[in-house]
PDB file of N, CA and C in Angstrom:
ATOM      1  N   UNK A   1     -57.720  19.087 -13.867  1.00  0.00           N
ATOM      2  CA  UNK A   1     -56.420  18.550 -14.253  1.00  0.00           C
ATOM      3  C   UNK A   1     -56.216  18.681 -15.751  1.00  0.00           C
ATOM      4  N   UNK A   2     -55.179  19.354 -16.081  1.00  0.00           N
ATOM      5  CA  UNK A   2     -54.806  19.493 -17.485  1.00  0.00           C
ATOM      6  C   UNK A   2     -53.695  18.478 -17.784  1.00  0.00           C
ATOM      7  N   UNK A   3     -53.959  17.527 -18.662  1.00  0.00           N
ATOM      8  CA  UNK A   3     -52.995  16.466 -18.936  1.00  0.00           C
ATOM      9  C   UNK A   3     -51.751  16.981 -19.642  1.00  0.00           C
ATOM     10  N   UNK A   4     -51.883  17.968 -20.500  1.00  0.00           N
ATOM     11  CA  UNK A   4     -50.716  18.504 -21.206  1.00  0.00           C
ATOM     12  C   UNK A   4     -49.784  19.210 -20.233  1.00  0.00           C
ATOM     13  N   UNK A   5     -50.337  19.994 -19.330  1.00  0.00           N
ATOM     14  CA  UNK A   5     -49.518  20.707 -18.345  1.00  0.00           C
ATOM     15  C   UNK A   5     -48.860  19.716 -17.386  1.00  0.00           C
ATOM     16  N   UNK A   6     -49.588  18.678 -16.990  1.00  0.00           N
ATOM     17  CA  UNK A   6     -49.011  17.665 -16.109  1.00  0.00           C
ATOM     18  C   UNK A   6     -47.883  16.918 -16.829  1.00  0.00           C
ATOM     19  N   UNK A   7     -48.061  16.657 -18.123  1.00  0.00           N
ATOM     20  CA  UNK A   7     -47.016  15.975 -18.908  1.00  0.00           C
ATOM     21  C   UNK A   7     -45.773  16.835 -19.034  1.00  0.00           C
ATOM     22  N   UNK A   8     -45.935  18.132 -19.262  1.00  0.00           N
ATOM     23  CA  UNK A   8     -44.793  19.043 -19.358  1.00  0.00           C
ATOM     24  C   UNK A   8     -44.053  19.135 -18.025  1.00  0.00           C
ATOM     25  N   UNK A   9     -44.805  19.210 -16.936  1.00  0.00           N
ATOM     26  CA  UNK A   9     -44.190  19.271 -15.604  1.00  0.00           C
ATOM     27  C   UNK A   9     -43.376  18.010 -15.335  1.00  0.00           C
ATOM     28  N   UNK A  10     -43.943  16.856 -15.712  1.00  0.00           N
ATOM     29  CA  UNK A  10     -43.241  15.584 -15.488  1.00  0.00           C
ATOM     30  C   UNK A  10     -41.976  15.508 -16.343  1.00  0.00           C
ATOM     31  N   UNK A  11     -42.030  15.994 -17.579  1.00  0.00           N
ATOM     32  CA  UNK A  11     -40.855  16.010 -18.448  1.00  0.00           C
ATOM     33  C   UNK A  11     -39.761  16.889 -17.862  1.00  0.00           C
ATOM     34  N   UNK A  12     -40.131  18.039 -17.345  1.00  0.00           N
ATOM     35  CA  UNK A  12     -39.154  18.941 -16.714  1.00  0.00           C
ATOM     36  C   UNK A  12     -38.535  18.264 -15.485  1.00  0.00           C
ATOM     37  N   UNK A  13     -39.348  17.585 -14.698  1.00  0.00           N
ATOM     38  CA  UNK A  13     -38.821  16.887 -13.523  1.00  0.00           C
ATOM     39  C   UNK A  13     -37.825  15.795 -13.920  1.00  0.00           C
ATOM     40  N   UNK A  14     -38.120  15.070 -14.993  1.00  0.00           N
ATOM     41  CA  UNK A  14     -37.204  14.021 -15.457  1.00  0.00           C
ATOM     42  C   UNK A  14     -35.876  14.617 -15.947  1.00  0.00           C
ATOM     43  N   UNK A  15     -35.943  15.759 -16.639  1.00  0.00           N
ATOM     44  CA  UNK A  15     -34.707  16.428 -17.082  1.00  0.00           C
ATOM     45  C   UNK A  15     -33.885  16.909 -15.887  1.00  0.00           C
ATOM     46  N   UNK A  16     -34.556  17.436 -14.871  1.00  0.00           N
ATOM     47  CA  UNK A  16     -33.847  17.872 -13.660  1.00  0.00           C
ATOM     48  C   UNK A  16     -33.195  16.677 -12.960  1.00  0.00           C
ATOM     49  N   UNK A  17     -33.892  15.548 -12.947  1.00  0.00           N
ATOM     50  CA  UNK A  17     -33.346  14.340 -12.337  1.00  0.00           C
ATOM     51  C   UNK A  17     -32.085  13.888 -13.074  1.00  0.00           C
ATOM     52  N   UNK A  18     -32.104  13.955 -14.402  1.00  0.00           N
ATOM     53  CA  UNK A  18     -30.917  13.594 -15.185  1.00  0.00           C
ATOM     54  C   UNK A  18     -29.763  14.548 -14.882  1.00  0.00           C
ATOM     55  N   UNK A  19     -30.054  15.836 -14.702  1.00  0.00           N
ATOM     56  CA  UNK A  19     -28.998  16.797 -14.353  1.00  0.00           C
ATOM     57  C   UNK A  19     -28.407  16.482 -12.984  1.00  0.00           C
ATOM     58  N   UNK A  20     -29.253  16.126 -12.019  1.00  0.00           N
ATOM     59  CA  UNK A  20     -28.760  15.761 -10.686  1.00  0.00           C
ATOM     60  C   UNK A  20     -27.873  14.509 -10.759  1.00  0.00           C
ATOM     61  N   UNK A  21     -28.274  13.534 -11.572  1.00  0.00           N
ATOM     62  CA  UNK A  21     -27.477  12.319 -11.725  1.00  0.00           C
ATOM     63  C   UNK A  21     -26.116  12.631 -12.347  1.00  0.00           C
ATOM     64  N   UNK A  22     -26.109  13.485 -13.369  1.00  0.00           N
ATOM     65  CA  UNK A  22     -24.863  13.856 -14.026  1.00  0.00           C
ATOM     66  C   UNK A  22     -23.932  14.587 -13.061  1.00  0.00           C
ATOM     67  N   UNK A  23     -24.486  15.508 -12.266  1.00  0.00           N
ATOM     68  CA  UNK A  23     -23.673  16.224 -11.276  1.00  0.00           C
ATOM     69  C   UNK A  23     -23.121  15.269 -10.223  1.00  0.00           C
ATOM     70  N   UNK A  24     -23.951  14.327  -9.775  1.00  0.00           N
ATOM     71  CA  UNK A  24     -23.490  13.351  -8.782  1.00  0.00           C
ATOM     72  C   UNK A  24     -22.368  12.490  -9.363  1.00  0.00           C
ATOM     73  N   UNK A  25     -22.470  12.091 -10.611  1.00  0.00           N
ATOM     74  CA  UNK A  25     -21.435  11.291 -11.253  1.00  0.00           C
ATOM     75  C   UNK A  25     -20.134  12.081 -11.355  1.00  0.00           C
ATOM     76  N   UNK A  26     -20.225  13.351 -11.760  1.00  0.00           N
ATOM     77  CA  UNK A  26     -19.031  14.191 -11.867  1.00  0.00           C
ATOM     78  C   UNK A  26     -18.377  14.397 -10.504  1.00  0.00           C
ATOM     79  N   UNK A  27     -19.189  14.653  -9.481  1.00  0.00           N
ATOM     80  CA  UNK A  27     -18.633  14.829  -8.138  1.00  0.00           C
ATOM     81  C   UNK A  27     -17.969  13.545  -7.636  1.00  0.00           C
ATOM     82  N   UNK A  28     -18.575  12.401  -7.941  1.00  0.00           N
ATOM     83  CA  UNK A  28     -17.983  11.133  -7.520  1.00  0.00           C
ATOM     84  C   UNK A  28     -16.656  10.898  -8.226  1.00  0.00           C
ATOM     85  N   UNK A  29     -16.571  11.240  -9.504  1.00  0.00           N
ATOM     86  CA  UNK A  29     -15.313  11.037 -10.223  1.00  0.00           C
ATOM     87  C   UNK A  29     -14.236  11.995  -9.713  1.00  0.00           C
ATOM     88  N   UNK A  30     -14.604  13.228  -9.363  1.00  0.00           N
ATOM     89  CA  UNK A  30     -13.647  14.175  -8.785  1.00  0.00           C
ATOM     90  C   UNK A  30     -13.151  13.656  -7.439  1.00  0.00           C
ATOM     91  N   UNK A  31     -14.062  13.137  -6.619  1.00  0.00           N
ATOM     92  CA  UNK A  31     -13.688  12.587  -5.321  1.00  0.00           C
ATOM     93  C   UNK A  31     -12.739  11.405  -5.503  1.00  0.00           C
ATOM     94  N   UNK A  32     -13.030  10.558  -6.472  1.00  0.00           N
ATOM     95  CA  UNK A  32     -12.200   9.387  -6.731  1.00  0.00           C
ATOM     96  C   UNK A  32     -10.785   9.798  -7.136  1.00  0.00           C
ATOM     97  N   UNK A  33     -10.675  10.811  -8.015  1.00  0.00           N
ATOM     98  CA  UNK A  33      -9.364  11.281  -8.457  1.00  0.00           C
ATOM     99  C   UNK A  33      -8.562  11.848  -7.292  1.00  0.00           C
ATOM    100  N   UNK A  34      -9.209  12.660  -6.458  1.00  0.00           N
ATOM    101  CA  UNK A  34      -8.506  13.252  -5.319  1.00  0.00           C
ATOM    102  C   UNK A  34      -8.076  12.189  -4.311  1.00  0.00           C
ATOM    103  N   UNK A  35      -8.924  11.197  -4.070  1.00  0.00           N
ATOM    104  CA  UNK A  35      -8.565  10.118  -3.151  1.00  0.00           C
ATOM    105  C   UNK A  35      -7.387   9.324  -3.696  1.00  0.00           C
ATOM    106  N   UNK A  36      -7.380   9.077  -5.000  1.00  0.00           N
ATOM    107  CA  UNK A  36      -6.268   8.351  -5.610  1.00  0.00           C
ATOM    108  C   UNK A  36      -4.983   9.163  -5.504  1.00  0.00           C
ATOM    109  N   UNK A  37      -5.035  10.454  -5.741  1.00  0.00           N
ATOM    110  CA  UNK A  37      -3.845  11.306  -5.610  1.00  0.00           C
ATOM    111  C   UNK A  37      -3.321  11.277  -4.186  1.00  0.00           C
ATOM    112  N   UNK A  38      -4.205  11.365  -3.203  1.00  0.00           N
ATOM    113  CA  UNK A  38      -3.788  11.341  -1.804  1.00  0.00           C
ATOM    114  C   UNK A  38      -3.150   9.993  -1.463  1.00  0.00           C
ATOM    115  N   UNK A  39      -3.758   8.915  -1.936  1.00  0.00           N
ATOM    116  CA  UNK A  39      -3.220   7.576  -1.668  1.00  0.00           C
ATOM    117  C   UNK A  39      -1.852   7.401  -2.322  1.00  0.00           C
ATOM    118  N   UNK A  40      -1.718   7.789  -3.587  1.00  0.00           N
ATOM    119  CA  UNK A  40      -0.461   7.624  -4.303  1.00  0.00           C
ATOM    120  C   UNK A  40       0.645   8.499  -3.718  1.00  0.00           C
ATOM    121  N   UNK A  41       0.262   9.628  -3.147  1.00  0.00           N
ATOM    122  CA  UNK A  41       1.252  10.523  -2.542  1.00  0.00           C
ATOM    123  C   UNK A  41       1.889   9.874  -1.314  1.00  0.00           C
ATOM    124  N   UNK A  42       1.143   9.060  -0.595  1.00  0.00           N
ATOM    125  CA  UNK A  42       1.638   8.447   0.629  1.00  0.00           C
ATOM    126  C   UNK A  42       2.364   7.124   0.404  1.00  0.00           C
ATOM    127  N   UNK A  43       2.425   6.646  -0.819  1.00  0.00           N
ATOM    128  CA  UNK A  43       3.146   5.410  -1.102  1.00  0.00           C
ATOM    129  C   UNK A  43       4.620   5.743  -1.238  1.00  0.00           C
ATOM    130  N   UNK A  44       5.442   5.039  -0.473  1.00  0.00           N
ATOM    131  CA  UNK A  44       6.882   5.269  -0.552  1.00  0.00           C
ATOM    132  C   UNK A  44       7.478   4.343  -1.616  1.00  0.00           C
ATOM    133  N   UNK A  45       8.332   4.909  -2.435  1.00  0.00           N
ATOM    134  CA  UNK A  45       8.962   4.133  -3.490  1.00  0.00           C
ATOM    135  C   UNK A  45      10.136   3.350  -2.913  1.00  0.00           C
ATOM    136  N   UNK A  46      10.187   2.060  -3.196  1.00  0.00           N
ATOM    137  CA  UNK A  46      11.270   1.214  -2.737  1.00  0.00           C
ATOM    138  C   UNK A  46      11.814   0.456  -3.936  1.00  0.00           C
ATOM    139  N   UNK A  47      13.119   0.418  -4.031  1.00  0.00           N
ATOM    140  CA  UNK A  47      13.758  -0.265  -5.140  1.00  0.00           C
ATOM    141  C   UNK A  47      14.551  -1.443  -4.593  1.00  0.00           C
ATOM    142  N   UNK A  48      14.325  -2.613  -5.145  1.00  0.00           N
ATOM    143  CA  UNK A  48      14.991  -3.827  -4.703  1.00  0.00           C
ATOM    144  C   UNK A  48      15.805  -4.402  -5.840  1.00  0.00           C
ATOM    145  N   UNK A  49      16.932  -5.030  -5.487  1.00  0.00           N
ATOM    146  CA  UNK A  49      17.788  -5.694  -6.456  1.00  0.00           C
ATOM    147  C   UNK A  49      17.835  -7.176  -6.102  1.00  0.00           C
ATOM    148  N   UNK A  50      18.177  -7.988  -7.082  1.00  0.00           N
ATOM    149  CA  UNK A  50      18.317  -9.421  -6.845  1.00  0.00           C
ATOM    150  C   UNK A  50      19.469  -9.625  -5.868  1.00  0.00           C
ATOM    151  N   UNK A  51      19.216 -10.398  -4.823  1.00  0.00           N
ATOM    152  CA  UNK A  51      20.233 -10.666  -3.817  1.00  0.00           C
ATOM    153  C   UNK A  51      20.075  -9.852  -2.549  1.00  0.00           C
ATOM    154  N   UNK A  52      19.187  -8.849  -2.541  1.00  0.00           N
ATOM    155  CA  UNK A  52      18.949  -8.054  -1.331  1.00  0.00           C
ATOM    156  C   UNK A  52      18.288  -8.912  -0.264  1.00  0.00           C
ATOM    157  N   UNK A  53      18.633  -8.642   0.985  1.00  0.00           N
ATOM    158  CA  UNK A  53      17.941  -9.288   2.097  1.00  0.00           C
ATOM    159  C   UNK A  53      16.828  -8.364   2.572  1.00  0.00           C
ATOM    160  N   UNK A  54      15.633  -8.923   2.741  1.00  0.00           N
ATOM    161  CA  UNK A  54      14.472  -8.125   3.111  1.00  0.00           C
ATOM    162  C   UNK A  54      13.675  -8.832   4.202  1.00  0.00           C
ATOM    163  N   UNK A  55      12.835  -8.061   4.874  1.00  0.00           N
ATOM    164  CA  UNK A  55      11.866  -8.591   5.826  1.00  0.00           C
ATOM    165  C   UNK A  55      10.478  -8.472   5.224  1.00  0.00           C
ATOM    166  N   UNK A  56       9.608  -9.411   5.543  1.00  0.00           N
ATOM    167  CA  UNK A  56       8.238  -9.449   5.038  1.00  0.00           C
ATOM    168  C   UNK A  56       7.277  -9.130   6.160  1.00  0.00           C
ATOM    169  N   UNK A  57       6.343  -8.199   5.920  1.00  0.00           N
ATOM    170  CA  UNK A  57       5.342  -7.821   6.915  1.00  0.00           C
ATOM    171  C   UNK A  57       4.227  -8.852   6.939  1.00  0.00           C
ATOM    172  N   UNK A  58       3.951  -9.397   8.123  1.00  0.00           N
ATOM    173  CA  UNK A  58       2.892 -10.395   8.294  1.00  0.00           C
ATOM    174  C   UNK A  58       1.611  -9.681   8.704  1.00  0.00           C
ATOM    175  N   UNK A  59       0.730  -9.446   7.742  1.00  0.00           N
ATOM    176  CA  UNK A  59      -0.509  -8.721   8.023  1.00  0.00           C
ATOM    177  C   UNK A  59      -1.587  -9.637   8.591  1.00  0.00           C
ATOM    178  N   UNK A  60      -1.379 -10.932   8.594  1.00  0.00           N
ATOM    179  CA  UNK A  60      -2.395 -11.880   9.067  1.00  0.00           C
ATOM    180  C   UNK A  60      -2.241 -12.230  10.535  1.00  0.00           C
ATOM    181  N   UNK A  61      -1.265 -11.666  11.192  1.00  0.00           N
ATOM    182  CA  UNK A  61      -1.036 -11.961  12.597  1.00  0.00           C
ATOM    183  C   UNK A  61      -2.062 -11.195  13.420  1.00  0.00           C
ATOM    184  N   UNK A  62      -3.164 -11.826  13.805  1.00  0.00           N
ATOM    185  CA  UNK A  62      -4.271 -11.122  14.444  1.00  0.00           C
ATOM    186  C   UNK A  62      -4.535 -11.578  15.876  1.00  0.00           C
ATOM    187  N   UNK A  63      -4.719 -12.864  16.088  1.00  0.00           N
ATOM    188  CA  UNK A  63      -5.191 -13.352  17.377  1.00  0.00           C
ATOM    189  C   UNK A  63      -4.064 -13.470  18.387  1.00  0.00           C
ATOM    190  N   UNK A  64      -4.086 -12.637  19.381  1.00  0.00           N
ATOM    191  CA  UNK A  64      -3.160 -12.667  20.506  1.00  0.00           C
ATOM    192  C   UNK A  64      -1.710 -12.848  20.071  1.00  0.00           C
ATOM    193  N   UNK A  65      -1.168 -11.902  19.332  1.00  0.00           N
ATOM    194  CA  UNK A  65       0.183 -12.094  18.826  1.00  0.00           C
ATOM    195  C   UNK A  65       1.254 -11.935  19.900  1.00  0.00           C
ATOM    196  N   UNK A  66       0.898 -11.391  21.030  1.00  0.00           N
ATOM    197  CA  UNK A  66       1.904 -11.097  22.041  1.00  0.00           C
ATOM    198  C   UNK A  66       2.242  -9.626  21.956  1.00  0.00           C
ATOM    199  N   UNK A  67       2.489  -9.054  23.095  1.00  0.00           N
ATOM    200  CA  UNK A  67       2.675  -7.614  23.149  1.00  0.00           C
ATOM    201  C   UNK A  67       3.904  -7.170  22.361  1.00  0.00           C
ATOM    202  N   UNK A  68       4.978  -7.920  22.467  1.00  0.00           N
ATOM    203  CA  UNK A  68       6.229  -7.500  21.846  1.00  0.00           C
ATOM    204  C   UNK A  68       6.609  -8.335  20.630  1.00  0.00           C
ATOM    205  N   UNK A  69       5.703  -9.157  20.145  1.00  0.00           N
ATOM    206  CA  UNK A  69       6.024  -9.991  18.997  1.00  0.00           C
ATOM    207  C   UNK A  69       6.053  -9.141  17.729  1.00  0.00           C
ATOM    208  N   UNK A  70       7.098  -9.320  16.965  1.00  0.00           N
ATOM    209  CA  UNK A  70       7.262  -8.542  15.743  1.00  0.00           C
ATOM    210  C   UNK A  70       6.372  -9.089  14.637  1.00  0.00           C
ATOM    211  N   UNK A  71       5.893  -8.212  13.797  1.00  0.00           N
ATOM    212  CA  UNK A  71       5.093  -8.620  12.645  1.00  0.00           C
ATOM    213  C   UNK A  71       5.963  -8.813  11.405  1.00  0.00           C
ATOM    214  N   UNK A  72       7.262  -8.608  11.519  1.00  0.00           N
ATOM    215  CA  UNK A  72       8.165  -8.738  10.387  1.00  0.00           C
ATOM    216  C   UNK A  72       8.808 -10.112  10.403  1.00  0.00           C
ATOM    217  N   UNK A  73       8.688 -10.838   9.297  1.00  0.00           N
ATOM    218  CA  UNK A  73       9.254 -12.169   9.149  1.00  0.00           C
ATOM    219  C   UNK A  73      10.500 -12.093   8.276  1.00  0.00           C
ATOM    220  N   UNK A  74      11.435 -12.997   8.505  1.00  0.00           N
ATOM    221  CA  UNK A  74      12.565 -13.035   7.596  1.00  0.00           C
ATOM    222  C   UNK A  74      13.862 -13.229   8.319  1.00  0.00           C
ATOM    223  N   UNK A  75      14.928 -13.009   7.684  1.00  0.00           N
ATOM    224  CA  UNK A  75      15.116 -12.345   6.387  1.00  0.00           C
ATOM    225  C   UNK A  75      14.907 -13.299   5.206  1.00  0.00           C
ATOM    226  N   UNK A  76      14.470 -12.725   4.103  1.00  0.00           N
ATOM    227  CA  UNK A  76      14.310 -13.420   2.841  1.00  0.00           C
ATOM    228  C   UNK A  76      15.286 -12.806   1.844  1.00  0.00           C
ATOM    229  N   UNK A  77      15.533 -13.506   0.765  1.00  0.00           N
ATOM    230  CA  UNK A  77      16.428 -13.014  -0.282  1.00  0.00           C
ATOM    231  C   UNK A  77      15.603 -12.757  -1.535  1.00  0.00           C
ATOM    232  N   UNK A  78      15.808 -11.603  -2.152  1.00  0.00           N
ATOM    233  CA  UNK A  78      15.098 -11.254  -3.383  1.00  0.00           C
ATOM    234  C   UNK A  78      15.691 -12.082  -4.515  1.00  0.00           C
ATOM    235  N   UNK A  79      14.846 -12.891  -5.166  1.00  0.00           N
ATOM    236  CA  UNK A  79      15.333 -13.727  -6.259  1.00  0.00           C
ATOM    237  C   UNK A  79      14.971 -13.147  -7.624  1.00  0.00           C
ATOM    238  N   UNK A  80      13.902 -12.340  -7.691  1.00  0.00           N
ATOM    239  CA  UNK A  80      13.515 -11.734  -8.962  1.00  0.00           C
ATOM    240  C   UNK A  80      12.633 -10.525  -8.690  1.00  0.00           C
ATOM    241  N   UNK A  81      12.778  -9.485  -9.516  1.00  0.00           N
ATOM    242  CA  UNK A  81      11.968  -8.279  -9.397  1.00  0.00           C
ATOM    243  C   UNK A  81      11.154  -8.136 -10.676  1.00  0.00           C
ATOM    244  N   UNK A  82       9.840  -8.040 -10.534  1.00  0.00           N
ATOM    245  CA  UNK A  82       8.938  -7.898 -11.667  1.00  0.00           C
ATOM    246  C   UNK A  82       8.475  -6.446 -11.765  1.00  0.00           C
ATOM    247  N   UNK A  83       7.944  -6.040 -12.905  1.00  0.00           N
ATOM    248  CA  UNK A  83       7.410  -4.672 -12.997  1.00  0.00           C
ATOM    249  C   UNK A  83       6.162  -4.508 -12.138  1.00  0.00           C
ATOM    250  N   UNK A  84       5.809  -3.265 -11.864  1.00  0.00           N
ATOM    251  CA  UNK A  84       4.624  -2.886 -11.101  1.00  0.00           C
ATOM    252  C   UNK A  84       4.694  -3.330  -9.649  1.00  0.00           C
ATOM    253  N   UNK A  85       5.911  -3.455  -9.081  1.00  0.00           N
ATOM    254  CA  UNK A  85       6.062  -3.653  -7.656  1.00  0.00           C
ATOM    255  C   UNK A  85       5.980  -5.065  -7.138  1.00  0.00           C
ATOM    256  N   UNK A  86       5.964  -6.073  -8.003  1.00  0.00           N
ATOM    257  CA  UNK A  86       5.928  -7.458  -7.541  1.00  0.00           C
ATOM    258  C   UNK A  86       7.362  -7.948  -7.355  1.00  0.00           C
ATOM    259  N   UNK A  87       7.617  -8.626  -6.229  1.00  0.00           N
ATOM    260  CA  UNK A  87       8.955  -9.127  -5.921  1.00  0.00           C
ATOM    261  C   UNK A  87       8.837 -10.602  -5.564  1.00  0.00           C
ATOM    262  N   UNK A  88       9.741 -11.401  -6.100  1.00  0.00           N
ATOM    263  CA  UNK A  88       9.779 -12.821  -5.756  1.00  0.00           C
ATOM    264  C   UNK A  88      10.852 -13.025  -4.696  1.00  0.00           C
ATOM    265  N   UNK A  89      10.464 -13.637  -3.578  1.00  0.00           N
ATOM    266  CA  UNK A  89      11.368 -13.864  -2.463  1.00  0.00           C
ATOM    267  C   UNK A  89      11.755 -15.335  -2.392  1.00  0.00           C
ATOM    268  N   UNK A  90      12.939 -15.577  -1.835  1.00  0.00           N
ATOM    269  CA  UNK A  90      13.415 -16.945  -1.653  1.00  0.00           C
ATOM    270  C   UNK A  90      13.752 -17.165  -0.185  1.00  0.00           C
ATOM    271  N   UNK A  91      13.297 -18.296   0.341  1.00  0.00           N
ATOM    272  CA  UNK A  91      13.627 -18.716   1.701  1.00  0.00           C
ATOM    273  C   UNK A  91      14.061 -20.174   1.608  1.00  0.00           C
ATOM    274  N   UNK A  92      15.143 -20.576   2.325  1.00  0.00           N
ATOM    275  CA  UNK A  92      15.636 -21.957   2.175  1.00  0.00           C
ATOM    276  C   UNK A  92      14.590 -23.024   2.487  1.00  0.00           C
ATOM    277  N   UNK A  93      13.727 -22.799   3.473  1.00  0.00           N
ATOM    278  CA  UNK A  93      12.745 -23.830   3.825  1.00  0.00           C
ATOM    279  C   UNK A  93      11.394 -23.610   3.153  1.00  0.00           C
ATOM    280  N   UNK A  94      11.020 -22.376   2.911  1.00  0.00           N
ATOM    281  CA  UNK A  94       9.693 -22.082   2.354  1.00  0.00           C
ATOM    282  C   UNK A  94       9.681 -22.008   0.836  1.00  0.00           C
ATOM    283  N   UNK A  95      10.838 -21.946   0.199  1.00  0.00           N
ATOM    284  CA  UNK A  95      10.893 -21.882  -1.256  1.00  0.00           C
ATOM    285  C   UNK A  95      10.694 -20.473  -1.774  1.00  0.00           C
ATOM    286  N   UNK A  96      10.281 -20.364  -3.048  1.00  0.00           N
ATOM    287  CA  UNK A  96      10.062 -19.068  -3.685  1.00  0.00           C
ATOM    288  C   UNK A  96       8.585 -18.711  -3.674  1.00  0.00           C
ATOM    289  N   UNK A  97       8.286 -17.425  -3.476  1.00  0.00           N
ATOM    290  CA  UNK A  97       6.909 -16.938  -3.562  1.00  0.00           C
ATOM    291  C   UNK A  97       6.940 -15.459  -3.895  1.00  0.00           C
ATOM    292  N   UNK A  98       5.850 -14.979  -4.472  1.00  0.00           N
ATOM    293  CA  UNK A  98       5.746 -13.590  -4.914  1.00  0.00           C
ATOM    294  C   UNK A  98       4.942 -12.782  -3.911  1.00  0.00           C
ATOM    295  N   UNK A  99       5.371 -11.539  -3.677  1.00  0.00           N
ATOM    296  CA  UNK A  99       4.671 -10.634  -2.765  1.00  0.00           C
ATOM    297  C   UNK A  99       4.650  -9.234  -3.368  1.00  0.00           C
ATOM    298  N   UNK A 100       3.793  -8.407  -2.808  1.00  0.00           N
ATOM    299  CA  UNK A 100       3.732  -7.002  -3.174  1.00  0.00           C
ATOM    300  C   UNK A 100       4.937  -6.291  -2.562  1.00  0.00           C
ATOM    301  N   UNK A 101       5.564  -5.406  -3.322  1.00  0.00           N
ATOM    302  CA  UNK A 101       6.749  -4.701  -2.850  1.00  0.00           C
ATOM    303  C   UNK A 101       6.482  -3.778  -1.686  1.00  0.00           C
ATOM    304  N   UNK A 102       5.220  -3.412  -1.441  1.00  0.00           N
ATOM    305  CA  UNK A 102       4.897  -2.542  -0.311  1.00  0.00           C
ATOM    306  C   UNK A 102       4.917  -3.304   1.007  1.00  0.00           C
ATOM    307  N   UNK A 103       4.939  -4.640   0.964  1.00  0.00           N
ATOM    308  CA  UNK A 103       4.922  -5.443   2.191  1.00  0.00           C
ATOM    309  C   UNK A 103       6.309  -5.827   2.668  1.00  0.00           C
ATOM    310  N   UNK A 104       7.355  -5.387   1.985  1.00  0.00           N
ATOM    311  CA  UNK A 104       8.705  -5.765   2.394  1.00  0.00           C
ATOM    312  C   UNK A 104       9.548  -4.527   2.631  1.00  0.00           C
ATOM    313  N   UNK A 105      10.600  -4.699   3.442  1.00  0.00           N
ATOM    314  CA  UNK A 105      11.543  -3.617   3.691  1.00  0.00           C
ATOM    315  C   UNK A 105      12.947  -4.208   3.725  1.00  0.00           C
ATOM    316  N   UNK A 106      13.928  -3.357   3.460  1.00  0.00           N
ATOM    317  CA  UNK A 106      15.310  -3.807   3.430  1.00  0.00           C
ATOM    318  C   UNK A 106      15.788  -4.230   4.815  1.00  0.00           C
ATOM    319  N   UNK A 107      16.656  -5.217   4.845  1.00  0.00           N
ATOM    320  CA  UNK A 107      17.296  -5.665   6.071  1.00  0.00           C
ATOM    321  C   UNK A 107      18.587  -4.880   6.220  1.00  0.00           C
ATOM    322  N   UNK A 108      18.678  -4.076   7.269  1.00  0.00           N
ATOM    323  CA  UNK A 108      19.857  -3.254   7.493  1.00  0.00           C
ATOM    324  C   UNK A 108      20.671  -3.911   8.597  1.00  0.00           C
ATOM    325  N   UNK A 109      21.888  -4.321   8.261  1.00  0.00           N
ATOM    326  CA  UNK A 109      22.749  -4.991   9.226  1.00  0.00           C
ATOM    327  C   UNK A 109      24.006  -4.182   9.515  1.00  0.00           C
ATOM    328  N   UNK A 110      23.904  -2.889   9.554  1.00  0.00           N
ATOM    329  CA  UNK A 110      25.064  -2.051   9.776  1.00  0.00           C
ATOM    330  C   UNK A 110      25.226  -1.650  11.234  1.00  0.00           C
ATOM    331  N   UNK A 111      24.552  -2.341  12.150  1.00  0.00           N
ATOM    332  CA  UNK A 111      24.648  -1.993  13.553  1.00  0.00           C
ATOM    333  C   UNK A 111      25.918  -2.613  14.140  1.00  0.00           C
ATOM    334  N   UNK A 112      26.595  -1.905  15.041  1.00  0.00           N
ATOM    335  CA  UNK A 112      27.787  -2.488  15.653  1.00  0.00           C
ATOM    336  C   UNK A 112      27.415  -3.656  16.549  1.00  0.00           C
ATOM    337  N   UNK A 113      28.218  -4.699  16.510  1.00  0.00           N
ATOM    338  CA  UNK A 113      27.956  -5.863  17.343  1.00  0.00           C
ATOM    339  C   UNK A 113      28.714  -5.748  18.646  1.00  0.00           C
ATOM    340  N   UNK A 114      28.505  -6.713  19.527  1.00  0.00           N
ATOM    341  CA  UNK A 114      29.165  -6.685  20.832  1.00  0.00           C
ATOM    342  C   UNK A 114      30.668  -6.888  20.681  1.00  0.00           C
ATOM    343  N   UNK A 115      31.097  -7.566  19.618  1.00  0.00           N
ATOM    344  CA  UNK A 115      32.521  -7.802  19.407  1.00  0.00           C
ATOM    345  C   UNK A 115      33.247  -6.516  19.050  1.00  0.00           C
ATOM    346  N   UNK A 116      32.543  -5.640  18.342  1.00  0.00           N
ATOM    347  CA  UNK A 116      33.163  -4.386  17.974  1.00  0.00           C
ATOM    348  C   UNK A 116      33.069  -3.435  19.154  1.00  0.00           C
ATOM    349  N   UNK A 117      34.191  -2.913  19.539  1.00  0.00           N
ATOM    350  CA  UNK A 117      34.173  -1.980  20.653  1.00  0.00           C
ATOM    351  C   UNK A 117      34.126  -0.564  20.103  1.00  0.00           C
ATOM    352  N   UNK A 118      33.305   0.220  20.687  1.00  0.00           N
ATOM    353  CA  UNK A 118      33.194   1.612  20.285  1.00  0.00           C
ATOM    354  C   UNK A 118      34.039   2.446  21.242  1.00  0.00           C
ATOM    355  N   UNK A 119      34.812   3.336  20.687  1.00  0.00           N
ATOM    356  CA  UNK A 119      35.665   4.185  21.510  1.00  0.00           C
ATOM    357  C   UNK A 119      34.836   5.404  21.895  1.00  0.00           C
ATOM    358  N   UNK A 120      34.291   5.375  23.099  1.00  0.00           N
ATOM    359  CA  UNK A 120      33.449   6.467  23.574  1.00  0.00           C
ATOM    360  C   UNK A 120      34.167   7.351  24.594  1.00  0.00           C
ATOM    361  N   UNK A 121      35.448   7.182  24.692  1.00  0.00           N
ATOM    362  CA  UNK A 121      36.208   7.980  25.654  1.00  0.00           C
ATOM    363  C   UNK A 121      36.246   9.434  25.185  1.00  0.00           C
ATOM    364  N   UNK A 122      36.180  10.331  26.142  1.00  0.00           N
ATOM    365  CA  UNK A 122      36.236  11.751  25.822  1.00  0.00           C
ATOM    366  C   UNK A 122      37.661  12.156  25.494  1.00  0.00           C
ATOM    367  N   UNK A 123      37.842  12.979  24.511  1.00  0.00           N
ATOM    368  CA  UNK A 123      39.197  13.434  24.188  1.00  0.00           C
ATOM    369  C   UNK A 123      39.716  14.324  25.305  1.00  0.00           C
ATOM    370  N   UNK A 124      41.014  14.171  25.589  1.00  0.00           N
ATOM    371  CA  UNK A 124      41.622  14.965  26.672  1.00  0.00           C
ATOM    372  C   UNK A 124      42.323  16.166  26.165  1.00  0.00           C
TER     373      UNK A 124
END
């Protein structure tokens, strides 16, 4: 056993280990960037104004919610819009609370009601 040769071999192994660690770190950071780009690409931009009526998604509804029970609660009224997607909602009984803008959607009430008659007759 030559101690100098064994020491040189061990030093080379340690340098190779540092190179492997550096490559793993770079690959992890590349993976992180690509995952973030993919995630951000799938986020839909929603713009809310004060006074809009919105529905809130109930993500905590887990145990036996019922087959046809909706996960959307509301309608709520937007009372304030903060930067970075935070929205403050107002409900007459529940008061004001802040939620993430990705958990709400606009309330669309443009559907014809039963009182409005639609003229579906074919033209002659």
